[in-house]
Amino acid sequence: MLTQVIEKNINRKPDFSVNIREMHEYGYGWDGMLPLKPAMAQEYLRREVPVYRLYNDSTETELKSPYDVVDDIEEGNTFLYGIQRIDWMQFNKNLGAR
C-alpha cells in the first residue's frame, strides 16, 4: 500500500500526512528538508533513499535502516523525519526513468 502512495506522489510531496509548517512548528527550520512521518520514513529507507531524524533545534541525523525508526517508536520518541529536497528530486528522476 505505501508503495502505491509513493508512486502516486512522484514529483509531489514525499508524505502528504505532514507539511513544512508542521515541521517548523516542531522546531526544525531548514527548508531544504521535506518532512516525513515514521511509516513513510521506513518505506523510503527500505528503498535506500537517505532519510534523516529531525530534531527541534534544526539539526538532523542520517538513519541507516528502517529499524532505526522502529527503535524510536519503541522508545516512545515522537521525532519527525525528513528527506532532503535534492534526494527527493533524484528519487523522482530515478523512479520516472523505469
Protein backbone atom coordinates (compact mmCIF):
# COMPACT_ATOMS: atom_id res chain seq x y z
CA MET A 1 0.00 0.00 0.00
CA LEU A 2 2.74 2.51 0.88
CA THR A 3 4.46 1.63 -2.37
CA GLN A 4 1.36 2.76 -4.26
CA VAL A 5 1.31 6.01 -2.27
CA ILE A 6 4.95 6.68 -3.14
CA GLU A 7 4.41 6.04 -6.83
CA LYS A 8 1.37 8.36 -6.87
CA ASN A 9 3.40 11.08 -5.15
CA ILE A 10 6.12 11.20 -7.77
CA ASN A 11 7.12 14.85 -8.29
CA ARG A 12 5.00 15.85 -5.31
CA LYS A 13 5.49 15.74 -1.55
CA PRO A 14 7.05 12.57 -0.14
CA ASP A 15 4.43 12.44 2.64
CA PHE A 16 1.04 14.13 2.48
CA SER A 17 0.36 13.49 6.18
CA VAL A 18 2.78 16.25 7.29
CA ASN A 19 3.75 19.64 5.87
CA ILE A 20 6.53 22.23 6.10
CA ARG A 21 4.52 24.39 8.52
CA GLU A 22 4.23 21.45 10.93
CA MET A 23 7.95 20.79 10.59
CA HIS A 24 8.67 24.42 11.51
CA GLU A 25 6.27 24.25 14.48
CA TYR A 26 8.11 21.12 15.61
CA GLY A 27 11.28 23.23 15.71
CA TYR A 28 13.12 22.15 12.57
CA GLY A 29 13.67 25.14 10.30
CA TRP A 30 15.71 24.20 7.23
CA ASP A 31 13.51 24.32 4.13
CA GLY A 32 15.88 22.06 2.22
CA MET A 33 14.30 19.14 4.08
CA LEU A 34 10.87 17.64 3.33
CA PRO A 35 9.13 16.18 6.40
CA LEU A 36 8.03 12.57 6.87
CA LYS A 37 6.06 10.67 9.46
CA PRO A 38 7.52 7.35 10.71
CA ALA A 39 5.71 4.98 8.31
CA MET A 40 6.88 6.84 5.23
CA ALA A 41 10.39 7.24 6.66
CA GLN A 42 10.60 3.46 6.98
CA GLU A 43 9.36 2.95 3.42
CA TYR A 44 11.90 5.33 1.90
CA LEU A 45 14.69 3.75 3.94
CA ARG A 46 13.67 0.36 2.52
CA ARG A 47 14.08 1.91 -0.93
CA GLU A 48 17.55 3.16 0.08
CA VAL A 49 16.60 6.85 -0.01
CA PRO A 50 18.58 8.86 2.57
CA VAL A 51 16.26 9.69 5.48
CA TYR A 52 17.07 11.87 8.49
CA ARG A 53 15.77 12.03 12.04
CA LEU A 54 14.88 15.68 12.65
CA TYR A 55 15.42 17.44 15.96
CA ASN A 56 13.68 20.53 17.31
CA ASP A 57 16.93 22.52 17.28
CA SER A 58 17.14 22.34 13.44
CA THR A 59 19.71 19.54 13.45
CA GLU A 60 19.38 16.08 11.98
CA THR A 61 20.96 12.63 11.96
CA GLU A 62 21.01 10.34 8.94
CA LEU A 63 19.38 6.99 9.61
CA LYS A 64 20.89 3.71 8.45
CA SER A 65 17.90 1.37 8.46
CA PRO A 66 14.11 1.20 8.85
CA TYR A 67 14.83 -0.38 12.24
CA ASP A 68 16.13 2.98 13.47
CA VAL A 69 12.55 4.29 13.15
CA VAL A 70 11.18 1.18 14.90
CA ASP A 71 13.62 1.76 17.77
CA ASP A 72 12.47 5.39 18.05
CA ILE A 73 8.84 4.31 18.26
CA GLU A 74 9.56 1.57 20.81
CA GLU A 75 11.47 4.10 22.95
CA GLY A 76 8.45 6.44 22.88
CA ASN A 77 10.13 9.12 20.77
CA THR A 78 7.96 11.31 18.56
CA PHE A 79 10.50 12.50 16.04
CA LEU A 80 9.75 13.85 12.62
CA TYR A 81 11.89 12.54 9.80
CA GLY A 82 12.89 14.06 6.52
CA ILE A 83 14.26 13.69 3.02
CA GLN A 84 16.47 16.38 1.58
CA ARG A 85 14.85 18.07 -1.41
CA ILE A 86 17.81 17.14 -3.63
CA ASP A 87 17.44 13.46 -2.69
CA TRP A 88 13.68 13.61 -3.30
CA MET A 89 14.27 15.09 -6.76
CA GLN A 90 16.81 12.35 -7.55
CA PHE A 91 14.42 9.65 -6.30
CA ASN A 92 11.68 11.00 -8.58
CA LYS A 93 14.08 11.16 -11.51
CA ASN A 94 15.17 7.56 -10.95
CA LEU A 95 11.61 6.33 -10.49
CA GLY A 96 10.49 8.11 -13.66
CA ALA A 97 13.32 6.50 -15.65
CA ARG A 98 11.96 2.99 -15.05
